[in-house]
C-alpha atoms as a PDB file:
ATOM      1  CA  MET A   1     341.066 156.596 -66.511  1.00  0.00           C
ATOM      2  CA  ARG A   2     337.493 157.738 -67.787  1.00  0.00           C
ATOM      3  CA  ASP A   3     337.599 161.615 -68.607  1.00  0.00           C
ATOM      4  CA  LEU A   4     333.858 162.255 -68.298  1.00  0.00           C
ATOM      5  CA  GLU A   5     334.269 165.864 -69.729  1.00  0.00           C
ATOM      6  CA  ARG A   6     335.937 164.790 -72.899  1.00  0.00           C
ATOM      7  CA  ALA A   7     334.077 161.436 -73.277  1.00  0.00           C
ATOM      8  CA  GLU A   8     337.753 159.652 -73.407  1.00  0.00           C
ATOM      9  CA  VAL A   9     339.160 156.528 -71.756  1.00  0.00           C
ATOM     10  CA  VAL A  10     342.857 157.187 -71.097  1.00  0.00           C
ATOM     11  CA  CYS A  11     345.742 155.080 -69.881  1.00  0.00           C
ATOM     12  CA  THR A  12     347.179 156.275 -66.871  1.00  0.00           C
ATOM     13  CA  ASN A  13     350.626 154.786 -67.686  1.00  0.00           C
ATOM     14  CA  CYS A  14     351.439 156.237 -71.247  1.00  0.00           C
ATOM     15  CA  GLY A  15     348.490 158.755 -71.886  1.00  0.00           C
ATOM     16  CA  PHE A  16     347.134 156.813 -74.708  1.00  0.00           C
ATOM     17  CA  VAL A  17     343.456 157.730 -75.558  1.00  0.00           C
ATOM     18  CA  ILE A  18     341.867 154.159 -75.751  1.00  0.00           C
ATOM     19  CA  THR A  19     338.444 155.385 -76.903  1.00  0.00           C
ATOM     20  CA  THR A  20     336.659 158.755 -77.672  1.00  0.00           C
ATOM     21  CA  ARG A  21     333.109 157.246 -77.586  1.00  0.00           C
ATOM     22  CA  LEU A  22     332.380 157.084 -73.967  1.00  0.00           C
ATOM     23  CA  ALA A  23     328.727 155.970 -72.961  1.00  0.00           C
ATOM     24  CA  ASP A  24     326.968 157.641 -70.196  1.00  0.00           C
ATOM     25  CA  ARG A  25     325.748 154.491 -68.197  1.00  0.00           C
ATOM     26  CA  GLY A  26     323.800 156.562 -65.543  1.00  0.00           C
ATOM     27  CA  PRO A  27     320.316 157.368 -65.704  1.00  0.00           C
ATOM     28  CA  GLU A  28     318.467 159.360 -67.979  1.00  0.00           C
ATOM     29  CA  TRP A  29     316.468 161.072 -65.337  1.00  0.00           C
ATOM     30  CA  ARG A  30     317.597 163.461 -62.702  1.00  0.00           C
ATOM     31  CA  ALA A  31     316.600 163.518 -58.841  1.00  0.00           C
ATOM     32  CA  PHE A  32     317.209 166.293 -56.304  1.00  0.00           C
ATOM     33  CA  THR A  33     315.995 164.387 -53.104  1.00  0.00           C
ATOM     34  CA  PRO A  34     316.358 160.994 -51.831  1.00  0.00           C
ATOM     35  CA  GLU A  35     312.727 160.335 -52.164  1.00  0.00           C
ATOM     36  CA  GLN A  36     312.786 161.502 -55.875  1.00  0.00           C
ATOM     37  CA  ARG A  37     315.713 159.161 -56.520  1.00  0.00           C
ATOM     38  CA  GLN A  38     313.852 156.311 -54.654  1.00  0.00           C
ATOM     39  CA  LYS A  39     310.558 156.884 -56.742  1.00  0.00           C
ATOM     40  CA  LYS A  40     312.304 157.235 -60.064  1.00  0.00           C
ATOM     41  CA  VAL A  41     314.616 154.142 -59.738  1.00  0.00           C
ATOM     42  CA  ARG A  42     313.366 151.082 -61.909  1.00  0.00           C
ATOM     43  CA  VAL A  43     315.433 148.455 -60.563  1.00  0.00           C
ATOM     44  CA  GLY A  44     315.104 146.066 -57.552  1.00  0.00           C
ATOM     45  CA  ALA A  45     317.670 144.969 -54.859  1.00  0.00           C
ATOM     46  CA  PRO A  46     320.782 143.780 -55.740  1.00  0.00           C
ATOM     47  CA  TYR A  47     321.773 140.322 -56.151  1.00  0.00           C
ATOM     48  CA  THR A  48     323.229 139.047 -53.057  1.00  0.00           C
ATOM     49  CA  PHE A  49     324.125 135.403 -51.469  1.00  0.00           C
ATOM     50  CA  THR A  50     322.915 136.773 -47.921  1.00  0.00           C
ATOM     51  CA  ILE A  51     319.293 135.889 -48.774  1.00  0.00           C
ATOM     52  CA  HIS A  52     317.948 132.459 -48.694  1.00  0.00           C
ATOM     53  CA  ASP A  53     316.312 133.300 -52.253  1.00  0.00           C
ATOM     54  CA  LYS A  54     319.544 135.588 -53.408  1.00  0.00           C
ATOM     55  CA  GLY A  55     317.089 138.592 -53.564  1.00  0.00           C
ATOM     56  CA  LEU A  56     315.303 137.311 -56.836  1.00  0.00           C
ATOM     57  CA  SER A  57     311.903 136.751 -55.449  1.00  0.00           C
ATOM     58  CA  THR A  58     308.844 139.203 -55.362  1.00  0.00           C
ATOM     59  CA  LYS A  59     307.898 140.391 -52.052  1.00  0.00           C
ATOM     60  CA  ILE A  60     304.013 141.571 -51.582  1.00  0.00           C
ATOM     61  CA  ASP A  61     304.075 144.412 -48.821  1.00  0.00           C
ATOM     62  CA  TRP A  62     301.310 145.236 -46.612  1.00  0.00           C
ATOM     63  CA  ARG A  63     301.545 148.800 -48.227  1.00  0.00           C
ATOM     64  CA  ASP A  64     300.584 147.326 -51.389  1.00  0.00           C
ATOM     65  CA  ILE A  65     297.119 146.313 -50.503  1.00  0.00           C
ATOM     66  CA  ARG A  66     295.966 149.432 -49.282  1.00  0.00           C
ATOM     67  CA  GLY A  67     293.154 151.411 -51.135  1.00  0.00           C
ATOM     68  CA  PHE A  68     291.274 148.467 -52.215  1.00  0.00           C
ATOM     69  CA  SER A  69     287.774 147.430 -50.845  1.00  0.00           C
ATOM     70  CA  SER A  70     287.390 145.101 -47.765  1.00  0.00           C
ATOM     71  CA  GLN A  71     286.744 142.026 -49.842  1.00  0.00           C
ATOM     72  CA  ARG A  72     289.560 142.789 -52.211  1.00  0.00           C
ATOM     73  CA  LYS A  73     291.771 143.480 -49.198  1.00  0.00           C
ATOM     74  CA  ALA A  74     291.133 139.874 -47.780  1.00  0.00           C
ATOM     75  CA  GLN A  75     291.912 138.294 -50.839  1.00  0.00           C
ATOM     76  CA  LEU A  76     294.998 140.143 -51.417  1.00  0.00           C
ATOM     77  CA  ASN A  77     296.075 139.344 -47.824  1.00  0.00           C
ATOM     78  CA  ARG A  78     295.701 135.681 -48.462  1.00  0.00           C
ATOM     79  CA  LEU A  79     297.682 135.736 -51.601  1.00  0.00           C
ATOM     80  CA  ARG A  80     300.352 137.675 -49.609  1.00  0.00           C
ATOM     81  CA  THR A  81     300.257 134.982 -46.800  1.00  0.00           C
ATOM     82  CA  TRP A  82     300.829 132.099 -49.361  1.00  0.00           C
ATOM     83  CA  GLN A  83     303.257 133.990 -51.312  1.00  0.00           C
ATOM     84  CA  MET A  84     305.299 134.190 -48.113  1.00  0.00           C
ATOM     85  CA  ARG A  85     304.884 130.422 -47.279  1.00  0.00           C
ATOM     86  CA  ILE A  86     306.043 129.597 -50.900  1.00  0.00           C
ATOM     87  CA  ARG A  87     309.181 131.422 -50.712  1.00  0.00           C
ATOM     88  CA  ILE A  88     310.281 129.070 -47.759  1.00  0.00           C
ATOM     89  CA  SER A  89     308.525 126.041 -48.720  1.00  0.00           C
ATOM     90  CA  SER A  90     311.481 123.361 -48.759  1.00  0.00           C
ATOM     91  CA  SER A  91     313.438 122.510 -45.734  1.00  0.00           C
ATOM     92  CA  MET A  92     316.525 123.817 -47.475  1.00  0.00           C
ATOM     93  CA  ASP A  93     315.238 127.295 -47.822  1.00  0.00           C
ATOM     94  CA  ARG A  94     313.961 127.308 -44.322  1.00  0.00           C
ATOM     95  CA  ASN A  95     317.412 126.292 -42.972  1.00  0.00           C
ATOM     96  CA  LEU A  96     318.991 129.099 -45.150  1.00  0.00           C
ATOM     97  CA  ALA A  97     316.434 131.709 -44.158  1.00  0.00           C
ATOM     98  CA  SER A  98     317.028 130.914 -40.475  1.00  0.00           C
ATOM     99  CA  ALA A  99     320.721 130.643 -40.699  1.00  0.00           C
ATOM    100  CA  LEU A 100     321.528 133.691 -43.015  1.00  0.00           C
ATOM    101  CA  ALA A 101     319.521 135.817 -40.607  1.00  0.00           C
ATOM    102  CA  ASP A 102     321.443 134.650 -37.628  1.00  0.00           C
ATOM    103  CA  MET A 103     324.810 135.192 -39.921  1.00  0.00           C
ATOM    104  CA  SER A 104     323.685 138.811 -40.527  1.00  0.00           C
ATOM    105  CA  ARG A 105     323.111 139.337 -36.861  1.00  0.00           C
ATOM    106  CA  MET A 106     326.409 138.163 -35.691  1.00  0.00           C
ATOM    107  CA  ALA A 107     328.228 140.171 -38.705  1.00  0.00           C
ATOM    108  CA  ASP A 108     326.578 143.353 -37.268  1.00  0.00           C
ATOM    109  CA  ALA A 109     327.813 142.668 -33.740  1.00  0.00           C
ATOM    110  CA  LEU A 110     331.410 141.842 -35.078  1.00  0.00           C
ATOM    111  CA  ASN A 111     331.294 144.779 -37.360  1.00  0.00           C
ATOM    112  CA  LEU A 112     332.126 142.763 -40.310  1.00  0.00           C
ATOM    113  CA  PRO A 113     332.316 144.448 -43.781  1.00  0.00           C
ATOM    114  CA  LYS A 114     329.881 143.382 -46.740  1.00  0.00           C
ATOM    115  CA  ASN A 115     332.377 141.325 -48.459  1.00  0.00           C
ATOM    116  CA  ILE A 116     333.040 139.210 -45.492  1.00  0.00           C
ATOM    117  CA  LEU A 117     329.303 138.580 -45.080  1.00  0.00           C
ATOM    118  CA  GLU A 118     328.846 137.689 -48.890  1.00  0.00           C
ATOM    119  CA  THR A 119     331.672 135.108 -48.527  1.00  0.00           C
ATOM    120  CA  ALA A 120     330.534 133.559 -45.468  1.00  0.00           C
ATOM    121  CA  ALA A 121     327.080 132.935 -47.081  1.00  0.00           C
ATOM    122  CA  VAL A 122     328.502 131.323 -50.031  1.00  0.00           C
ATOM    123  CA  ILE A 123     330.702 128.972 -47.707  1.00  0.00           C
ATOM    124  CA  TYR A 124     327.342 128.192 -45.691  1.00  0.00           C
ATOM    125  CA  ARG A 125     325.456 127.540 -48.919  1.00  0.00           C
ATOM    126  CA  LYS A 126     328.325 125.056 -50.014  1.00  0.00           C
ATOM    127  CA  VAL A 127     327.995 123.440 -46.497  1.00  0.00           C
ATOM    128  CA  VAL A 128     324.132 123.016 -46.923  1.00  0.00           C
ATOM    129  CA  LYS A 129     324.375 121.647 -50.692  1.00  0.00           C
ATOM    130  CA  LYS A 130     327.041 119.057 -49.479  1.00  0.00           C
ATOM    131  CA  ARG A 131     324.827 118.011 -46.433  1.00  0.00           C
ATOM    132  CA  LEU A 132     327.380 118.582 -43.915  1.00  0.00           C
ATOM    133  CA  ILE A 133     324.813 120.291 -41.699  1.00  0.00           C
ATOM    134  CA  ARG A 134     323.134 116.860 -40.765  1.00  0.00           C
ATOM    135  CA  GLY A 135     323.500 116.047 -37.356  1.00  0.00           C
ATOM    136  CA  ARG A 136     325.613 119.240 -36.287  1.00  0.00           C
ATOM    137  CA  SER A 137     324.336 122.540 -34.933  1.00  0.00           C
ATOM    138  CA  ALA A 138     323.494 125.031 -37.799  1.00  0.00           C
ATOM    139  CA  GLN A 139     324.516 127.846 -35.412  1.00  0.00           C
ATOM    140  CA  GLY A 140     328.100 126.359 -34.882  1.00  0.00           C
ATOM    141  CA  MET A 141     328.526 125.930 -38.809  1.00  0.00           C
ATOM    142  CA  VAL A 142     327.378 129.691 -39.157  1.00  0.00           C
ATOM    143  CA  VAL A 143     329.875 130.915 -36.819  1.00  0.00           C
ATOM    144  CA  ALA A 144     332.531 128.915 -38.443  1.00  0.00           C
ATOM    145  CA  SER A 145     331.663 129.995 -41.888  1.00  0.00           C
ATOM    146  CA  ILE A 146     332.189 133.623 -40.749  1.00  0.00           C
ATOM    147  CA  TYR A 147     335.362 132.723 -39.008  1.00  0.00           C
ATOM    148  CA  LEU A 148     336.551 130.947 -42.264  1.00  0.00           C
ATOM    149  CA  ALA A 149     335.475 134.053 -44.388  1.00  0.00           C
ATOM    150  CA  CYS A 150     337.643 136.156 -42.221  1.00  0.00           C
ATOM    151  CA  ARG A 151     340.583 134.122 -42.563  1.00  0.00           C
ATOM    152  CA  GLN A 152     340.201 133.901 -46.301  1.00  0.00           C
ATOM    153  CA  CYS A 153     339.681 137.720 -46.823  1.00  0.00           C
ATOM    154  CA  GLY A 154     342.648 138.438 -44.676  1.00  0.00           C
ATOM    155  CA  LEU A 155     340.456 140.089 -41.774  1.00  0.00           C
ATOM    156  CA  ILE A 156     341.738 139.225 -38.295  1.00  0.00           C
ATOM    157  CA  ARG A 157     338.962 138.230 -35.899  1.00  0.00           C
ATOM    158  CA  THR A 158     339.849 135.787 -33.034  1.00  0.00           C
ATOM    159  CA  LEU A 159     338.130 132.537 -32.147  1.00  0.00           C
ATOM    160  CA  GLU A 160     337.350 134.411 -28.411  1.00  0.00           C
ATOM    161  CA  GLU A 161     335.462 137.107 -30.391  1.00  0.00           C
ATOM    162  CA  MET A 162     333.527 134.511 -32.602  1.00  0.00           C
ATOM    163  CA  ALA A 163     332.491 132.759 -29.213  1.00  0.00           C
ATOM    164  CA  GLN A 164     331.321 135.921 -27.618  1.00  0.00           C
ATOM    165  CA  ALA A 165     329.178 136.950 -30.533  1.00  0.00           C
ATOM    166  CA  SER A 166     327.411 133.572 -30.890  1.00  0.00           C
ATOM    167  CA  GLY A 167     327.337 132.329 -27.496  1.00  0.00           C
ATOM    168  CA  ILE A 168     329.279 129.069 -28.342  1.00  0.00           C
ATOM    169  CA  SER A 169     332.348 127.943 -26.680  1.00  0.00           C
ATOM    170  CA  LYS A 170     335.561 128.735 -28.188  1.00  0.00           C
ATOM    171  CA  LYS A 171     336.539 124.894 -28.454  1.00  0.00           C
ATOM    172  CA  GLU A 172     333.528 124.304 -30.309  1.00  0.00           C
ATOM    173  CA  VAL A 173     333.574 127.116 -32.973  1.00  0.00           C
ATOM    174  CA  GLY A 174     337.515 125.713 -33.464  1.00  0.00           C
ATOM    175  CA  ARG A 175     336.029 122.033 -33.981  1.00  0.00           C
ATOM    176  CA  LYS A 176     333.707 123.294 -36.553  1.00  0.00           C
ATOM    177  CA  TYR A 177     335.860 125.512 -38.486  1.00  0.00           C
ATOM    178  CA  ARG A 178     338.790 122.556 -38.848  1.00  0.00           C
ATOM    179  CA  PHE A 179     335.883 120.446 -39.877  1.00  0.00           C
ATOM    180  CA  LEU A 180     334.782 123.116 -42.881  1.00  0.00           C
ATOM    181  CA  VAL A 181     338.482 123.384 -44.020  1.00  0.00           C
ATOM    182  CA  LYS A 182     338.824 119.621 -44.198  1.00  0.00           C
ATOM    183  CA  LYS A 183     335.728 118.785 -45.758  1.00  0.00           C
ATOM    184  CA  LEU A 184     335.306 121.829 -48.426  1.00  0.00           C
ATOM    185  CA  ASN A 185     339.017 121.748 -49.216  1.00  0.00           C
ATOM    186  CA  TYR A 186     340.000 125.297 -48.392  1.00  0.00           C
ATOM    187  CA  PHE A 187     343.318 126.920 -48.437  1.00  0.00           C
ATOM    188  CA  VAL A 188     343.803 129.179 -45.223  1.00  0.00           C
ATOM    189  CA  PRO A 189     346.219 131.590 -45.327  1.00  0.00           C
ATOM    190  CA  PRO A 190     348.178 132.080 -42.118  1.00  0.00           C
ATOM    191  CA  VAL A 191     347.634 135.535 -40.279  1.00  0.00           C
ATOM    192  CA  LYS A 192     350.211 138.176 -41.355  1.00  0.00           C
ATOM    193  CA  LEU A 193     352.307 139.804 -38.790  1.00  0.00           C
ATOM    194  CA  ASP A 194     351.735 143.347 -40.334  1.00  0.00           C
ATOM    195  CA  GLN A 195     347.891 142.779 -39.964  1.00  0.00           C
ATOM    196  CA  SER A 196     348.182 141.836 -36.233  1.00  0.00           C
ATOM    197  CA  VAL A 197     350.272 145.080 -35.663  1.00  0.00           C
ATOM    198  CA  THR A 198     347.584 147.336 -37.499  1.00  0.00           C
ATOM    199  CA  ARG A 199     344.741 146.089 -35.426  1.00  0.00           C
ATOM    200  CA  LEU A 200     346.873 146.054 -32.244  1.00  0.00           C
ATOM    201  CA  CYS A 201     347.971 149.704 -32.705  1.00  0.00           C
ATOM    202  CA  ASN A 202     344.276 150.790 -33.467  1.00  0.00           C
ATOM    203  CA  GLU A 203     343.163 148.843 -30.204  1.00  0.00           C
ATOM    204  CA  LEU A 204     345.585 150.848 -28.257  1.00  0.00           C
ATOM    205  CA  ASP A 205     344.970 154.046 -29.843  1.00  0.00           C
ATOM    206  CA  LEU A 206     348.618 154.545 -30.979  1.00  0.00           C
ATOM    207  CA  HIS A 207     349.766 157.358 -33.373  1.00  0.00           C
ATOM    208  CA  GLY A 208     350.737 156.321 -36.842  1.00  0.00           C
ATOM    209  CA  LYS A 209     354.309 156.705 -36.237  1.00  0.00           C
ATOM    210  CA  VAL A 210     354.027 153.938 -33.796  1.00  0.00           C
ATOM    211  CA  GLU A 211     352.549 151.656 -36.522  1.00  0.00           C
ATOM    212  CA  GLU A 212     355.267 152.817 -39.025  1.00  0.00           C
ATOM    213  CA  VAL A 213     358.241 151.823 -36.439  1.00  0.00           C
ATOM    214  CA  ALA A 214     356.524 148.745 -35.461  1.00  0.00           C
ATOM    215  CA  HIS A 215     356.463 147.394 -39.143  1.00  0.00           C
ATOM    216  CA  LYS A 216     360.095 148.285 -39.638  1.00  0.00           C
ATOM    217  CA  ILE A 217     360.866 146.324 -36.409  1.00  0.00           C
ATOM    218  CA  LEU A 218     359.064 143.551 -37.823  1.00  0.00           C
ATOM    219  CA  LYS A 219     360.791 143.722 -41.187  1.00  0.00           C
ATOM    220  CA  ALA A 220     364.191 143.728 -39.504  1.00  0.00           C
ATOM    221  CA  ALA A 221     363.125 140.696 -37.227  1.00  0.00           C
ATOM    222  CA  LYS A 222     362.136 138.662 -40.370  1.00  0.00           C
ATOM    223  CA  LYS A 223     365.448 139.321 -41.896  1.00  0.00           C
ATOM    224  CA  LEU A 224     367.082 137.603 -38.622  1.00  0.00           C
ATOM    225  CA  ARG A 225     364.210 134.864 -38.539  1.00  0.00           C
ATOM    226  CA  LEU A 226     363.276 136.089 -35.048  1.00  0.00           C
ATOM    227  CA  THR A 227     359.697 135.481 -36.250  1.00  0.00           C
ATOM    228  CA  SER A 228     360.022 131.792 -37.052  1.00  0.00           C
ATOM    229  CA  GLY A 229     358.362 129.280 -34.864  1.00  0.00           C
ATOM    230  CA  ARG A 230     356.443 132.467 -32.646  1.00  0.00           C
ATOM    231  CA  GLY A 231     353.050 132.959 -32.199  1.00  0.00           C
ATOM    232  CA  HIS A 232     351.853 136.010 -34.240  1.00  0.00           C
ATOM    233  CA  LYS A 233     350.298 137.627 -31.386  1.00  0.00           C
ATOM    234  CA  GLY A 234     353.351 137.802 -29.003  1.00  0.00           C
ATOM    235  CA  THR A 235     355.752 138.970 -32.008  1.00  0.00           C
ATOM    236  CA  ALA A 236     353.247 141.594 -33.086  1.00  0.00           C
ATOM    237  CA  ALA A 237     352.736 142.552 -29.455  1.00  0.00           C
ATOM    238  CA  ALA A 238     356.477 142.995 -28.476  1.00  0.00           C
ATOM    239  CA  ALA A 239     357.007 144.858 -31.730  1.00  0.00           C
ATOM    240  CA  SER A 240     354.267 147.526 -30.970  1.00  0.00           C
ATOM    241  CA  TYR A 241     355.294 147.611 -27.382  1.00  0.00           C
ATOM    242  CA  MET A 242     359.110 148.540 -28.486  1.00  0.00           C
ATOM    243  CA  ALA A 243     357.760 150.941 -31.240  1.00  0.00           C
ATOM    244  CA  SER A 244     355.586 152.865 -28.490  1.00  0.00           C
ATOM    245  CA  LYS A 245     358.994 153.119 -26.461  1.00  0.00           C
ATOM    246  CA  VAL A 246     361.031 154.124 -29.278  1.00  0.00           C
ATOM    247  CA  VAL A 247     358.400 156.993 -30.372  1.00  0.00           C
ATOM    248  CA  GLY A 248     358.006 158.056 -26.738  1.00  0.00           C
ATOM    249  CA  GLU A 249     354.072 157.222 -26.749  1.00  0.00           C
ATOM    250  CA  HIS A 250     354.377 154.833 -23.836  1.00  0.00           C
ATOM    251  CA  ARG A 251     352.177 151.885 -23.122  1.00  0.00           C
ATOM    252  CA  THR A 252     352.489 149.277 -20.285  1.00  0.00           C
ATOM    253  CA  GLN A 253     353.064 145.570 -21.064  1.00  0.00           C
ATOM    254  CA  ARG A 254     349.781 144.918 -19.021  1.00  0.00           C
ATOM    255  CA  GLU A 255     347.780 147.227 -21.609  1.00  0.00           C
ATOM    256  CA  VAL A 256     349.492 145.767 -24.483  1.00  0.00           C
ATOM    257  CA  ALA A 257     348.931 142.193 -23.191  1.00  0.00           C
ATOM    258  CA  GLU A 258     345.265 142.670 -22.628  1.00  0.00           C
ATOM    259  CA  SER A 259     344.655 144.052 -26.005  1.00  0.00           C
ATOM    260  CA  ALA A 260     346.555 141.098 -27.860  1.00  0.00           C
ATOM    261  CA  ASP A 261     344.978 138.612 -25.453  1.00  0.00           C
ATOM    262  CA  ILE A 262     348.168 137.151 -24.100  1.00  0.00           C
ATOM    263  CA  THR A 263     350.151 137.225 -20.835  1.00  0.00           C
ATOM    264  CA  GLU A 264     352.932 139.834 -20.009  1.00  0.00           C
ATOM    265  CA  VAL A 265     355.661 137.233 -19.950  1.00  0.00           C
ATOM    266  CA  THR A 266     355.145 136.303 -23.541  1.00  0.00           C
ATOM    267  CA  ILE A 267     355.449 140.066 -24.466  1.00  0.00           C
ATOM    268  CA  ARG A 268     358.652 140.193 -21.840  1.00  0.00           C
ATOM    269  CA  ASN A 269     360.322 137.216 -23.785  1.00  0.00           C
ATOM    270  CA  ARG A 270     359.798 138.551 -27.184  1.00  0.00           C
ATOM    271  CA  TYR A 271     360.927 141.813 -26.229  1.00  0.00           C
ATOM    272  CA  LYS A 272     364.313 140.952 -24.854  1.00  0.00           C
ATOM    273  CA  GLU A 273     364.830 138.801 -27.614  1.00  0.00           C
ATOM    274  CA  MET A 274     364.288 141.584 -30.193  1.00  0.00           C
ATOM    275  CA  MET A 275     366.227 144.025 -28.204  1.00  0.00           C
ATOM    276  CA  GLU A 276     369.223 141.813 -27.957  1.00  0.00           C
ATOM    277  CA  ARG A 277     369.200 140.816 -31.769  1.00  0.00           C
ATOM    278  CA  LEU A 278     368.123 143.955 -33.185  1.00  0.00           C
ATOM    279  CA  LEU A 279     370.466 146.208 -31.062  1.00  0.00           C
ATOM    280  CA  ILE A 280     367.810 148.874 -30.472  1.00  0.00           C
ATOM    281  CA  VAL A 281     368.578 151.338 -27.852  1.00  0.00           C
ATOM    282  CA  VAL A 282     365.209 152.764 -25.904  1.00  0.00           C
ATOM    283  CA  SER A 283     365.542 155.419 -23.659  1.00  0.00           C
ATOM    284  CA  LEU A 284     363.750 154.976 -20.180  1.00  0.00           C
END
């Protein structure tokens, strides 16, 4: 832990003072408004993979050529045009610029965090570097990269959501995803039931107590091997439905099935199996 008042770095486990000379890594200037902070800062944009040149190139803005004579303005405007052309001179840069722009748009539509977008950009750069994009749809590869990044980072997004955000069929997204996993030799961890329950409870606007009970039901079901060989959607939906009835915050099977994108029959089958094996009594 960094103690800024005493200028010390202290271990939180045993209280040992690691160092007593803590340097201030902040700026030496002060700013009281956002305008002052933006004016005084002396660094550029952060390094990012979501821009085709990784944010390292120079950009000449049209506001930089104001205040000059008309002849000088024309000269600077030509320099600005050539500078923009040089930034995306190669075919790889043009491909990355177009694909990463589509990736940012889809990430905004899916409400994805920054780390997912960065991971997806790294995956797509590997695709371009290995020339896997030839003869295939660039947009399909972009969607597959986003879905692969979500699976790697443990964020649950379904193929249906990817298809709706991109306008590509679910079958095509799945085909491109399996192609990337095979060619890039990625290990994709399976979807965890706890994550499915958390997302389902959020979509159903259930109380935190319902989610807590659902996690306990899943934990007991795992011990009895009731989750082996079953789909994570059906099991999570049945646990959430059962927990809502236990707590008293009722949701119908149709509401749970629509949120989980499964049928009501699947929920009933998993629900009956858990009720019989877990010996849970639910008041009507």
